[in-house]
Amino acid sequence: MFGPNAVTIVAKGAAQCSRLRTGWKSSACSSTPCTFAENGIDDVFAYAANMARLWRDQGKRNEARDLLAPVYGWFTEGFDTLDLKEAKKLLDELQRK
Protein backbone atom coordinates (compact mmCIF):
# COMPACT_ATOMS: atom_id res chain seq x y z
CA MET A 1 0.00 0.00 0.00
CA PHE A 2 1.14 3.61 0.50
CA GLY A 3 3.80 4.79 2.94
CA PRO A 4 3.13 7.58 5.44
CA ASN A 5 5.06 10.09 3.34
CA ALA A 6 2.91 9.34 0.29
CA VAL A 7 -0.28 9.96 2.25
CA THR A 8 1.12 13.19 3.67
CA ILE A 9 2.04 14.40 0.18
CA VAL A 10 -1.42 13.50 -1.11
CA ALA A 11 -3.06 15.21 1.86
CA LYS A 12 -1.10 18.41 1.34
CA GLY A 13 -1.78 18.43 -2.40
CA ALA A 14 -5.46 17.68 -2.03
CA ALA A 15 -5.90 20.29 0.69
CA GLN A 16 -5.05 22.85 -1.98
CA CYS A 17 -7.45 21.33 -4.47
CA SER A 18 -10.67 23.31 -4.58
CA ARG A 19 -12.48 20.56 -6.46
CA LEU A 20 -12.23 18.21 -3.48
CA ARG A 21 -13.39 20.84 -1.02
CA THR A 22 -16.18 22.50 -3.00
CA GLY A 23 -17.29 19.92 -5.52
CA TRP A 24 -16.78 22.09 -8.64
CA LYS A 25 -14.42 21.23 -11.44
CA SER A 26 -11.32 23.30 -12.02
CA SER A 27 -8.43 22.89 -14.42
CA ALA A 28 -6.17 24.06 -11.57
CA CYS A 29 -6.69 20.68 -9.99
CA SER A 30 -4.85 18.53 -12.50
CA SER A 31 -1.79 17.81 -10.35
CA THR A 32 -0.94 14.23 -9.46
CA PRO A 33 -1.86 14.51 -5.76
CA CYS A 34 -5.31 15.86 -6.60
CA THR A 35 -5.94 13.26 -9.28
CA PHE A 36 -4.73 10.49 -7.00
CA ALA A 37 -6.79 11.75 -4.09
CA GLU A 38 -9.93 12.03 -6.21
CA ASN A 39 -9.54 8.53 -7.60
CA GLY A 40 -8.43 6.88 -4.37
CA ILE A 41 -9.94 9.03 -1.64
CA ASP A 42 -11.53 6.05 0.10
CA ASP A 43 -8.24 4.16 0.13
CA VAL A 44 -6.29 7.18 1.33
CA PHE A 45 -8.87 7.88 4.03
CA ALA A 46 -8.80 4.28 5.26
CA TYR A 47 -5.02 4.26 5.28
CA ALA A 48 -4.80 7.60 7.09
CA ALA A 49 -7.33 6.50 9.72
CA ASN A 50 -5.49 3.23 10.32
CA MET A 51 -2.10 4.94 10.52
CA ALA A 52 -3.53 7.55 12.89
CA ARG A 53 -4.82 4.81 15.20
CA LEU A 54 -1.47 3.03 15.11
CA TRP A 55 0.47 6.23 15.81
CA ARG A 56 -1.94 7.13 18.63
CA ASP A 57 -1.28 3.73 20.18
CA GLN A 58 2.48 4.30 19.79
CA GLY A 59 2.24 7.69 21.52
CA LYS A 60 2.70 9.69 18.29
CA ARG A 61 -0.41 11.78 18.86
CA ASN A 62 0.70 14.89 16.99
CA GLU A 63 1.74 12.89 13.92
CA ALA A 64 -1.56 11.01 14.01
CA ARG A 65 -3.57 14.23 14.16
CA ASP A 66 -1.45 15.90 11.48
CA LEU A 67 -2.03 12.96 9.14
CA LEU A 68 -5.75 12.43 9.69
CA ALA A 69 -7.02 16.02 10.01
CA PRO A 70 -6.38 17.15 6.41
CA VAL A 71 -7.79 13.93 4.96
CA TYR A 72 -10.92 14.26 7.12
CA GLY A 73 -11.17 17.85 5.92
CA TRP A 74 -11.63 16.69 2.32
CA PHE A 75 -15.17 15.58 3.10
CA THR A 76 -18.14 17.88 2.68
CA GLU A 77 -20.83 15.27 3.30
CA GLY A 78 -21.30 11.79 4.71
CA PHE A 79 -20.56 12.78 8.29
CA ASP A 80 -23.27 10.39 9.46
CA THR A 81 -21.32 7.37 8.14
CA LEU A 82 -19.53 5.12 10.60
CA ASP A 83 -16.07 5.78 9.12
CA LEU A 84 -16.34 9.55 9.41
CA LYS A 85 -17.92 9.36 12.86
CA GLU A 86 -15.00 7.21 14.05
CA ALA A 87 -12.47 9.55 12.43
CA LYS A 88 -14.08 12.57 14.13
CA LYS A 89 -14.03 10.76 17.47
CA LEU A 90 -10.33 9.94 16.99
CA LEU A 91 -9.51 13.54 16.00
CA ASP A 92 -11.35 14.85 19.05
CA GLU A 93 -9.41 12.43 21.24
CA LEU A 94 -6.10 13.47 19.69
CA GLN A 95 -6.93 17.14 20.12
CA ARG A 96 -7.74 16.81 23.85
CA LYS A 97 -4.48 15.27 24.96
PDB file of N, CA and C in Angstrom:
ATOM      1  N   MET A   1       0.856  -1.184   0.000  1.00  0.00           N
ATOM      2  CA  MET A   1       0.000   0.000   0.000  1.00  0.00           C
ATOM      3  C   MET A   1       0.890   1.232   0.000  1.00  0.00           C
ATOM      4  N   PHE A   2       0.410   2.355   0.514  1.00  0.00           N
ATOM      5  CA  PHE A   2       1.141   3.613   0.496  1.00  0.00           C
ATOM      6  C   PHE A   2       1.905   3.790   1.796  1.00  0.00           C
ATOM      7  N   GLY A   3       3.052   4.456   1.734  1.00  0.00           N
ATOM      8  CA  GLY A   3       3.797   4.791   2.937  1.00  0.00           C
ATOM      9  C   GLY A   3       3.265   6.085   3.532  1.00  0.00           C
ATOM     10  N   PRO A   4       3.618   6.368   4.785  1.00  0.00           N
ATOM     11  CA  PRO A   4       3.129   7.580   5.440  1.00  0.00           C
ATOM     12  C   PRO A   4       3.494   8.852   4.682  1.00  0.00           C
ATOM     13  N   ASN A   5       4.669   8.892   4.083  1.00  0.00           N
ATOM     14  CA  ASN A   5       5.061  10.087   3.337  1.00  0.00           C
ATOM     15  C   ASN A   5       4.174  10.298   2.121  1.00  0.00           C
ATOM     16  N   ALA A   6       3.783   9.219   1.464  1.00  0.00           N
ATOM     17  CA  ALA A   6       2.912   9.338   0.294  1.00  0.00           C
ATOM     18  C   ALA A   6       1.560   9.917   0.689  1.00  0.00           C
ATOM     19  N   VAL A   7       1.014   9.455   1.802  1.00  0.00           N
ATOM     20  CA  VAL A   7      -0.281   9.960   2.250  1.00  0.00           C
ATOM     21  C   VAL A   7      -0.166  11.424   2.644  1.00  0.00           C
ATOM     22  N   THR A   8       0.924  11.798   3.286  1.00  0.00           N
ATOM     23  CA  THR A   8       1.121  13.190   3.667  1.00  0.00           C
ATOM     24  C   THR A   8       1.202  14.078   2.433  1.00  0.00           C
ATOM     25  N   ILE A   9       1.928  13.635   1.425  1.00  0.00           N
ATOM     26  CA  ILE A   9       2.037  14.401   0.182  1.00  0.00           C
ATOM     27  C   ILE A   9       0.674  14.540  -0.471  1.00  0.00           C
ATOM     28  N   VAL A  10      -0.077  13.454  -0.528  1.00  0.00           N
ATOM     29  CA  VAL A  10      -1.416  13.496  -1.114  1.00  0.00           C
ATOM     30  C   VAL A  10      -2.307  14.437  -0.310  1.00  0.00           C
ATOM     31  N   ALA A  11      -2.217  14.354   1.009  1.00  0.00           N
ATOM     32  CA  ALA A  11      -3.058  15.209   1.857  1.00  0.00           C
ATOM     33  C   ALA A  11      -2.746  16.682   1.624  1.00  0.00           C
ATOM     34  N   LYS A  12      -1.479  17.014   1.556  1.00  0.00           N
ATOM     35  CA  LYS A  12      -1.097  18.412   1.335  1.00  0.00           C
ATOM     36  C   LYS A  12      -1.544  18.893  -0.045  1.00  0.00           C
ATOM     37  N   GLY A  13      -1.372  18.048  -1.060  1.00  0.00           N
ATOM     38  CA  GLY A  13      -1.783  18.435  -2.402  1.00  0.00           C
ATOM     39  C   GLY A  13      -3.284  18.573  -2.513  1.00  0.00           C
ATOM     40  N   ALA A  14      -4.000  17.644  -1.920  1.00  0.00           N
ATOM     41  CA  ALA A  14      -5.455  17.676  -2.028  1.00  0.00           C
ATOM     42  C   ALA A  14      -6.055  18.800  -1.201  1.00  0.00           C
ATOM     43  N   ALA A  15      -5.391  19.179  -0.119  1.00  0.00           N
ATOM     44  CA  ALA A  15      -5.896  20.286   0.690  1.00  0.00           C
ATOM     45  C   ALA A  15      -5.932  21.575  -0.115  1.00  0.00           C
ATOM     46  N   GLN A  16      -5.090  21.665  -1.127  1.00  0.00           N
ATOM     47  CA  GLN A  16      -5.050  22.846  -1.977  1.00  0.00           C
ATOM     48  C   GLN A  16      -5.978  22.707  -3.185  1.00  0.00           C
ATOM     49  N   CYS A  17      -6.636  21.619  -3.301  1.00  0.00           N
ATOM     50  CA  CYS A  17      -7.455  21.333  -4.472  1.00  0.00           C
ATOM     51  C   CYS A  17      -8.900  21.741  -4.215  1.00  0.00           C
ATOM     52  N   SER A  18      -9.327  22.795  -4.831  1.00  0.00           N
ATOM     53  CA  SER A  18     -10.665  23.314  -4.578  1.00  0.00           C
ATOM     54  C   SER A  18     -11.748  22.339  -5.018  1.00  0.00           C
ATOM     55  N   ARG A  19     -11.469  21.502  -5.988  1.00  0.00           N
ATOM     56  CA  ARG A  19     -12.481  20.556  -6.456  1.00  0.00           C
ATOM     57  C   ARG A  19     -12.863  19.604  -5.337  1.00  0.00           C
ATOM     58  N   LEU A  20     -11.912  19.139  -4.555  1.00  0.00           N
ATOM     59  CA  LEU A  20     -12.230  18.206  -3.478  1.00  0.00           C
ATOM     60  C   LEU A  20     -12.989  18.885  -2.353  1.00  0.00           C
ATOM     61  N   ARG A  21     -12.736  20.153  -2.125  1.00  0.00           N
ATOM     62  CA  ARG A  21     -13.388  20.843  -1.024  1.00  0.00           C
ATOM     63  C   ARG A  21     -14.753  21.398  -1.409  1.00  0.00           C
ATOM     64  N   THR A  22     -14.935  21.818  -2.647  1.00  0.00           N
ATOM     65  CA  THR A  22     -16.178  22.499  -3.001  1.00  0.00           C
ATOM     66  C   THR A  22     -17.049  21.724  -3.969  1.00  0.00           C
ATOM     67  N   GLY A  23     -16.505  20.722  -4.623  1.00  0.00           N
ATOM     68  CA  GLY A  23     -17.292  19.921  -5.522  1.00  0.00           C
ATOM     69  C   GLY A  23     -17.352  20.446  -6.943  1.00  0.00           C
ATOM     70  N   TRP A  24     -16.749  21.592  -7.264  1.00  0.00           N
ATOM     71  CA  TRP A  24     -16.776  22.089  -8.639  1.00  0.00           C
ATOM     72  C   TRP A  24     -15.491  21.750  -9.348  1.00  0.00           C
ATOM     73  N   LYS A  25     -15.578  21.644 -10.640  1.00  0.00           N
ATOM     74  CA  LYS A  25     -14.423  21.234 -11.437  1.00  0.00           C
ATOM     75  C   LYS A  25     -13.560  22.440 -11.785  1.00  0.00           C
ATOM     76  N   SER A  26     -12.256  22.222 -11.738  1.00  0.00           N
ATOM     77  CA  SER A  26     -11.318  23.299 -12.022  1.00  0.00           C
ATOM     78  C   SER A  26     -10.099  22.713 -12.708  1.00  0.00           C
ATOM     79  N   SER A  27      -9.625  23.378 -13.738  1.00  0.00           N
ATOM     80  CA  SER A  27      -8.426  22.895 -14.420  1.00  0.00           C
ATOM     81  C   SER A  27      -7.202  23.066 -13.546  1.00  0.00           C
ATOM     82  N   ALA A  28      -7.300  23.877 -12.487  1.00  0.00           N
ATOM     83  CA  ALA A  28      -6.171  24.064 -11.573  1.00  0.00           C
ATOM     84  C   ALA A  28      -5.916  22.814 -10.743  1.00  0.00           C
ATOM     85  N   CYS A  29      -6.810  21.867 -10.813  1.00  0.00           N
ATOM     86  CA  CYS A  29      -6.690  20.675  -9.987  1.00  0.00           C
ATOM     87  C   CYS A  29      -6.268  19.476 -10.819  1.00  0.00           C
ATOM     88  N   SER A  30      -5.276  19.636 -11.648  1.00  0.00           N
ATOM     89  CA  SER A  30      -4.852  18.531 -12.495  1.00  0.00           C
ATOM     90  C   SER A  30      -3.539  17.922 -12.025  1.00  0.00           C
ATOM     91  N   SER A  31      -3.048  18.351 -10.854  1.00  0.00           N
ATOM     92  CA  SER A  31      -1.786  17.806 -10.355  1.00  0.00           C
ATOM     93  C   SER A  31      -1.976  16.363  -9.904  1.00  0.00           C
ATOM     94  N   THR A  32      -0.892  15.642  -9.840  1.00  0.00           N
ATOM     95  CA  THR A  32      -0.939  14.234  -9.456  1.00  0.00           C
ATOM     96  C   THR A  32      -1.577  14.007  -8.098  1.00  0.00           C
ATOM     97  N   PRO A  33      -1.219  14.773  -7.047  1.00  0.00           N
ATOM     98  CA  PRO A  33      -1.860  14.514  -5.760  1.00  0.00           C
ATOM     99  C   PRO A  33      -3.367  14.650  -5.814  1.00  0.00           C
ATOM    100  N   CYS A  34      -3.866  15.676  -6.526  1.00  0.00           N
ATOM    101  CA  CYS A  34      -5.309  15.857  -6.604  1.00  0.00           C
ATOM    102  C   CYS A  34      -5.973  14.730  -7.379  1.00  0.00           C
ATOM    103  N   THR A  35      -5.385  14.347  -8.481  1.00  0.00           N
ATOM    104  CA  THR A  35      -5.939  13.260  -9.280  1.00  0.00           C
ATOM    105  C   THR A  35      -5.938  11.967  -8.485  1.00  0.00           C
ATOM    106  N   PHE A  36      -4.834  11.706  -7.811  1.00  0.00           N
ATOM    107  CA  PHE A  36      -4.735  10.492  -7.004  1.00  0.00           C
ATOM    108  C   PHE A  36      -5.769  10.515  -5.886  1.00  0.00           C
ATOM    109  N   ALA A  37      -5.875  11.651  -5.214  1.00  0.00           N
ATOM    110  CA  ALA A  37      -6.793  11.745  -4.093  1.00  0.00           C
ATOM    111  C   ALA A  37      -8.232  11.596  -4.545  1.00  0.00           C
ATOM    112  N   GLU A  38      -8.557  12.160  -5.705  1.00  0.00           N
ATOM    113  CA  GLU A  38      -9.926  12.031  -6.208  1.00  0.00           C
ATOM    114  C   GLU A  38     -10.242  10.582  -6.547  1.00  0.00           C
ATOM    115  N   ASN A  39      -9.306   9.905  -7.172  1.00  0.00           N
ATOM    116  CA  ASN A  39      -9.540   8.526  -7.597  1.00  0.00           C
ATOM    117  C   ASN A  39      -9.451   7.545  -6.439  1.00  0.00           C
ATOM    118  N   GLY A  40      -8.647   7.835  -5.450  1.00  0.00           N
ATOM    119  CA  GLY A  40      -8.427   6.881  -4.373  1.00  0.00           C
ATOM    120  C   GLY A  40      -8.726   7.436  -3.003  1.00  0.00           C
ATOM    121  N   ILE A  41      -9.685   8.367  -2.911  1.00  0.00           N
ATOM    122  CA  ILE A  41      -9.939   9.031  -1.639  1.00  0.00           C
ATOM    123  C   ILE A  41     -10.355   8.044  -0.552  1.00  0.00           C
ATOM    124  N   ASP A  42     -11.123   7.028  -0.894  1.00  0.00           N
ATOM    125  CA  ASP A  42     -11.534   6.045   0.104  1.00  0.00           C
ATOM    126  C   ASP A  42     -10.332   5.274   0.628  1.00  0.00           C
ATOM    127  N   ASP A  43      -9.432   4.891  -0.285  1.00  0.00           N
ATOM    128  CA  ASP A  43      -8.237   4.160   0.129  1.00  0.00           C
ATOM    129  C   ASP A  43      -7.325   5.033   0.980  1.00  0.00           C
ATOM    130  N   VAL A  44      -7.144   6.263   0.572  1.00  0.00           N
ATOM    131  CA  VAL A  44      -6.290   7.179   1.333  1.00  0.00           C
ATOM    132  C   VAL A  44      -6.898   7.442   2.702  1.00  0.00           C
ATOM    133  N   PHE A  45      -8.213   7.640   2.750  1.00  0.00           N
ATOM    134  CA  PHE A  45      -8.871   7.881   4.034  1.00  0.00           C
ATOM    135  C   PHE A  45      -8.704   6.682   4.959  1.00  0.00           C
ATOM    136  N   ALA A  46      -8.936   5.484   4.436  1.00  0.00           N
ATOM    137  CA  ALA A  46      -8.797   4.277   5.262  1.00  0.00           C
ATOM    138  C   ALA A  46      -7.368   4.125   5.765  1.00  0.00           C
ATOM    139  N   TYR A  47      -6.415   4.366   4.888  1.00  0.00           N
ATOM    140  CA  TYR A  47      -5.015   4.259   5.279  1.00  0.00           C
ATOM    141  C   TYR A  47      -4.672   5.300   6.338  1.00  0.00           C
ATOM    142  N   ALA A  48      -5.093   6.535   6.134  1.00  0.00           N
ATOM    143  CA  ALA A  48      -4.797   7.602   7.090  1.00  0.00           C
ATOM    144  C   ALA A  48      -5.427   7.305   8.447  1.00  0.00           C
ATOM    145  N   ALA A  49      -6.659   6.828   8.454  1.00  0.00           N
ATOM    146  CA  ALA A  49      -7.330   6.499   9.716  1.00  0.00           C
ATOM    147  C   ALA A  49      -6.610   5.361  10.439  1.00  0.00           C
ATOM    148  N   ASN A  50      -6.207   4.344   9.701  1.00  0.00           N
ATOM    149  CA  ASN A  50      -5.495   3.226  10.320  1.00  0.00           C
ATOM    150  C   ASN A  50      -4.131   3.647  10.845  1.00  0.00           C
ATOM    151  N   MET A  51      -3.410   4.455  10.057  1.00  0.00           N
ATOM    152  CA  MET A  51      -2.103   4.937  10.518  1.00  0.00           C
ATOM    153  C   MET A  51      -2.267   5.838  11.746  1.00  0.00           C
ATOM    154  N   ALA A  52      -3.294   6.667  11.753  1.00  0.00           N
ATOM    155  CA  ALA A  52      -3.532   7.554  12.892  1.00  0.00           C
ATOM    156  C   ALA A  52      -3.803   6.736  14.155  1.00  0.00           C
ATOM    157  N   ARG A  53      -4.569   5.675  14.035  1.00  0.00           N
ATOM    158  CA  ARG A  53      -4.824   4.810  15.200  1.00  0.00           C
ATOM    159  C   ARG A  53      -3.534   4.152  15.683  1.00  0.00           C
ATOM    160  N   LEU A  54      -2.738   3.660  14.751  1.00  0.00           N
ATOM    161  CA  LEU A  54      -1.469   3.025  15.109  1.00  0.00           C
ATOM    162  C   LEU A  54      -0.551   4.024  15.802  1.00  0.00           C
ATOM    163  N   TRP A  55      -0.412   5.224  15.216  1.00  0.00           N
ATOM    164  CA  TRP A  55       0.469   6.225  15.806  1.00  0.00           C
ATOM    165  C   TRP A  55      -0.054   6.687  17.164  1.00  0.00           C
ATOM    166  N   ARG A  56      -1.368   6.790  17.311  1.00  0.00           N
ATOM    167  CA  ARG A  56      -1.938   7.128  18.626  1.00  0.00           C
ATOM    168  C   ARG A  56      -1.505   6.093  19.652  1.00  0.00           C
ATOM    169  N   ASP A  57      -1.639   4.826  19.276  1.00  0.00           N
ATOM    170  CA  ASP A  57      -1.281   3.734  20.184  1.00  0.00           C
ATOM    171  C   ASP A  57       0.212   3.710  20.490  1.00  0.00           C
ATOM    172  N   GLN A  58       1.024   4.248  19.595  1.00  0.00           N
ATOM    173  CA  GLN A  58       2.475   4.304  19.790  1.00  0.00           C
ATOM    174  C   GLN A  58       2.897   5.600  20.485  1.00  0.00           C
ATOM    175  N   GLY A  59       1.932   6.437  20.842  1.00  0.00           N
ATOM    176  CA  GLY A  59       2.245   7.692  21.518  1.00  0.00           C
ATOM    177  C   GLY A  59       2.601   8.826  20.581  1.00  0.00           C
ATOM    178  N   LYS A  60       2.393   8.646  19.289  1.00  0.00           N
ATOM    179  CA  LYS A  60       2.700   9.688  18.292  1.00  0.00           C
ATOM    180  C   LYS A  60       1.425  10.466  17.975  1.00  0.00           C
ATOM    181  N   ARG A  61       0.895  11.123  18.984  1.00  0.00           N
ATOM    182  CA  ARG A  61      -0.405  11.780  18.856  1.00  0.00           C
ATOM    183  C   ARG A  61      -0.392  12.935  17.861  1.00  0.00           C
ATOM    184  N   ASN A  62       0.636  13.754  17.904  1.00  0.00           N
ATOM    185  CA  ASN A  62       0.699  14.893  16.986  1.00  0.00           C
ATOM    186  C   ASN A  62       0.789  14.431  15.542  1.00  0.00           C
ATOM    187  N   GLU A  63       1.617  13.419  15.287  1.00  0.00           N
ATOM    188  CA  GLU A  63       1.741  12.890  13.924  1.00  0.00           C
ATOM    189  C   GLU A  63       0.414  12.300  13.459  1.00  0.00           C
ATOM    190  N   ALA A  64      -0.273  11.600  14.357  1.00  0.00           N
ATOM    191  CA  ALA A  64      -1.564  11.006  14.014  1.00  0.00           C
ATOM    192  C   ALA A  64      -2.569  12.080  13.634  1.00  0.00           C
ATOM    193  N   ARG A  65      -2.638  13.131  14.446  1.00  0.00           N
ATOM    194  CA  ARG A  65      -3.572  14.231  14.160  1.00  0.00           C
ATOM    195  C   ARG A  65      -3.200  14.950  12.871  1.00  0.00           C
ATOM    196  N   ASP A  66      -1.900  15.191  12.680  1.00  0.00           N
ATOM    197  CA  ASP A  66      -1.449  15.899  11.482  1.00  0.00           C
ATOM    198  C   ASP A  66      -1.700  15.107  10.203  1.00  0.00           C
ATOM    199  N   LEU A  67      -1.741  13.795  10.303  1.00  0.00           N
ATOM    200  CA  LEU A  67      -2.027  12.959   9.139  1.00  0.00           C
ATOM    201  C   LEU A  67      -3.529  12.898   8.853  1.00  0.00           C
ATOM    202  N   LEU A  68      -4.326  12.668   9.889  1.00  0.00           N
ATOM    203  CA  LEU A  68      -5.754  12.426   9.687  1.00  0.00           C
ATOM    204  C   LEU A  68      -6.562  13.709   9.443  1.00  0.00           C
ATOM    205  N   ALA A  69      -6.203  14.795  10.099  1.00  0.00           N
ATOM    206  CA  ALA A  69      -7.019  16.016  10.013  1.00  0.00           C
ATOM    207  C   ALA A  69      -7.209  16.523   8.582  1.00  0.00           C
ATOM    208  N   PRO A  70      -6.145  16.639   7.766  1.00  0.00           N
ATOM    209  CA  PRO A  70      -6.381  17.147   6.407  1.00  0.00           C
ATOM    210  C   PRO A  70      -7.205  16.194   5.540  1.00  0.00           C
ATOM    211  N   VAL A  71      -7.027  14.905   5.750  1.00  0.00           N
ATOM    212  CA  VAL A  71      -7.792  13.931   4.964  1.00  0.00           C
ATOM    213  C   VAL A  71      -9.265  14.003   5.359  1.00  0.00           C
ATOM    214  N   TYR A  72      -9.539  14.099   6.652  1.00  0.00           N
ATOM    215  CA  TYR A  72     -10.918  14.258   7.123  1.00  0.00           C
ATOM    216  C   TYR A  72     -11.526  15.542   6.557  1.00  0.00           C
ATOM    217  N   GLY A  73     -10.704  16.572   6.426  1.00  0.00           N
ATOM    218  CA  GLY A  73     -11.165  17.853   5.918  1.00  0.00           C
ATOM    219  C   GLY A  73     -11.590  17.837   4.460  1.00  0.00           C
ATOM    220  N   TRP A  74     -11.211  16.798   3.720  1.00  0.00           N
ATOM    221  CA  TRP A  74     -11.626  16.686   2.319  1.00  0.00           C
ATOM    222  C   TRP A  74     -13.132  16.534   2.191  1.00  0.00           C
ATOM    223  N   PHE A  75     -13.772  15.957   3.211  1.00  0.00           N
ATOM    224  CA  PHE A  75     -15.169  15.575   3.097  1.00  0.00           C
ATOM    225  C   PHE A  75     -16.087  16.758   3.351  1.00  0.00           C
ATOM    226  N   THR A  76     -17.132  16.828   2.538  1.00  0.00           N
ATOM    227  CA  THR A  76     -18.137  17.877   2.684  1.00  0.00           C
ATOM    228  C   THR A  76     -19.506  17.274   2.998  1.00  0.00           C
ATOM    229  N   GLU A  77     -19.581  15.966   2.996  1.00  0.00           N
ATOM    230  CA  GLU A  77     -20.833  15.270   3.304  1.00  0.00           C
ATOM    231  C   GLU A  77     -20.497  13.872   3.792  1.00  0.00           C
ATOM    232  N   GLY A  78     -21.500  13.160   4.249  1.00  0.00           N
ATOM    233  CA  GLY A  78     -21.299  11.788   4.711  1.00  0.00           C
ATOM    234  C   GLY A  78     -20.861  11.690   6.156  1.00  0.00           C
ATOM    235  N   PHE A  79     -21.030  12.771   6.914  1.00  0.00           N
ATOM    236  CA  PHE A  79     -20.558  12.776   8.294  1.00  0.00           C
ATOM    237  C   PHE A  79     -21.379  11.865   9.204  1.00  0.00           C
ATOM    238  N   ASP A  80     -22.470  11.331   8.688  1.00  0.00           N
ATOM    239  CA  ASP A  80     -23.266  10.387   9.464  1.00  0.00           C
ATOM    240  C   ASP A  80     -22.829   8.941   9.231  1.00  0.00           C
ATOM    241  N   THR A  81     -21.822   8.726   8.382  1.00  0.00           N
ATOM    242  CA  THR A  81     -21.318   7.372   8.140  1.00  0.00           C
ATOM    243  C   THR A  81     -20.408   6.948   9.285  1.00  0.00           C
ATOM    244  N   LEU A  82     -20.330   5.661   9.504  1.00  0.00           N
ATOM    245  CA  LEU A  82     -19.535   5.123  10.602  1.00  0.00           C
ATOM    246  C   LEU A  82     -18.067   5.521  10.482  1.00  0.00           C
ATOM    247  N   ASP A  83     -17.492   5.445   9.292  1.00  0.00           N
ATOM    248  CA  ASP A  83     -16.071   5.777   9.117  1.00  0.00           C
ATOM    249  C   ASP A  83     -15.771   7.212   9.523  1.00  0.00           C
ATOM    250  N   LEU A  84     -16.587   8.145   9.075  1.00  0.00           N
ATOM    251  CA  LEU A  84     -16.337   9.549   9.407  1.00  0.00           C
ATOM    252  C   LEU A  84     -16.657   9.853  10.867  1.00  0.00           C
ATOM    253  N   LYS A  85     -17.643   9.181  11.431  1.00  0.00           N
ATOM    254  CA  LYS A  85     -17.921   9.356  12.858  1.00  0.00           C
ATOM    255  C   LYS A  85     -16.725   8.889  13.695  1.00  0.00           C
ATOM    256  N   GLU A  86     -16.159   7.732  13.319  1.00  0.00           N
ATOM    257  CA  GLU A  86     -15.004   7.210  14.050  1.00  0.00           C
ATOM    258  C   GLU A  86     -13.785   8.107  13.880  1.00  0.00           C
ATOM    259  N   ALA A  87     -13.590   8.637  12.675  1.00  0.00           N
ATOM    260  CA  ALA A  87     -12.468   9.546  12.435  1.00  0.00           C
ATOM    261  C   ALA A  87     -12.623  10.815  13.259  1.00  0.00           C
ATOM    262  N   LYS A  88     -13.830  11.364  13.326  1.00  0.00           N
ATOM    263  CA  LYS A  88     -14.079  12.568  14.126  1.00  0.00           C
ATOM    264  C   LYS A  88     -13.817  12.289  15.598  1.00  0.00           C
ATOM    265  N   LYS A  89     -14.255  11.146  16.068  1.00  0.00           N
ATOM    266  CA  LYS A  89     -14.025  10.765  17.466  1.00  0.00           C
ATOM    267  C   LYS A  89     -12.522  10.673  17.749  1.00  0.00           C
ATOM    268  N   LEU A  90     -11.782  10.067  16.831  1.00  0.00           N
ATOM    269  CA  LEU A  90     -10.328   9.943  16.988  1.00  0.00           C
ATOM    270  C   LEU A  90      -9.672  11.321  16.971  1.00  0.00           C
ATOM    271  N   LEU A  91     -10.070  12.183  16.049  1.00  0.00           N
ATOM    272  CA  LEU A  91      -9.510  13.536  15.999  1.00  0.00           C
ATOM    273  C   LEU A  91      -9.800  14.308  17.286  1.00  0.00           C
ATOM    274  N   ASP A  92     -11.012  14.179  17.796  1.00  0.00           N
ATOM    275  CA  ASP A  92     -11.350  14.850  19.054  1.00  0.00           C
ATOM    276  C   ASP A  92     -10.471  14.333  20.191  1.00  0.00           C
ATOM    277  N   GLU A  93     -10.269  13.037  20.224  1.00  0.00           N
ATOM    278  CA  GLU A  93      -9.408  12.433  21.243  1.00  0.00           C
ATOM    279  C   GLU A  93      -7.977  12.947  21.120  1.00  0.00           C
ATOM    280  N   LEU A  94      -7.474  13.006  19.909  1.00  0.00           N
ATOM    281  CA  LEU A  94      -6.095  13.468  19.686  1.00  0.00           C
ATOM    282  C   LEU A  94      -5.942  14.949  20.022  1.00  0.00           C
ATOM    283  N   GLN A  95      -6.985  15.713  19.847  1.00  0.00           N
ATOM    284  CA  GLN A  95      -6.934  17.145  20.121  1.00  0.00           C
ATOM    285  C   GLN A  95      -6.919  17.416  21.631  1.00  0.00           C
ATOM    286  N   ARG A  96      -7.608  16.588  22.401  1.00  0.00           N
ATOM    287  CA  ARG A  96      -7.737  16.805  23.845  1.00  0.00           C
ATOM    288  C   ARG A  96      -6.446  16.585  24.595  1.00  0.00           C
ATOM    289  N   LYS A  97      -5.641  15.650  24.155  1.00  0.00           N
ATOM    290  CA  LYS A  97      -4.483  15.272  24.961  1.00  0.00           C
ATOM    291  C   LYS A  97      -3.203  15.813  24.406  1.00  0.00           C
TER     292      LYS A  97
END
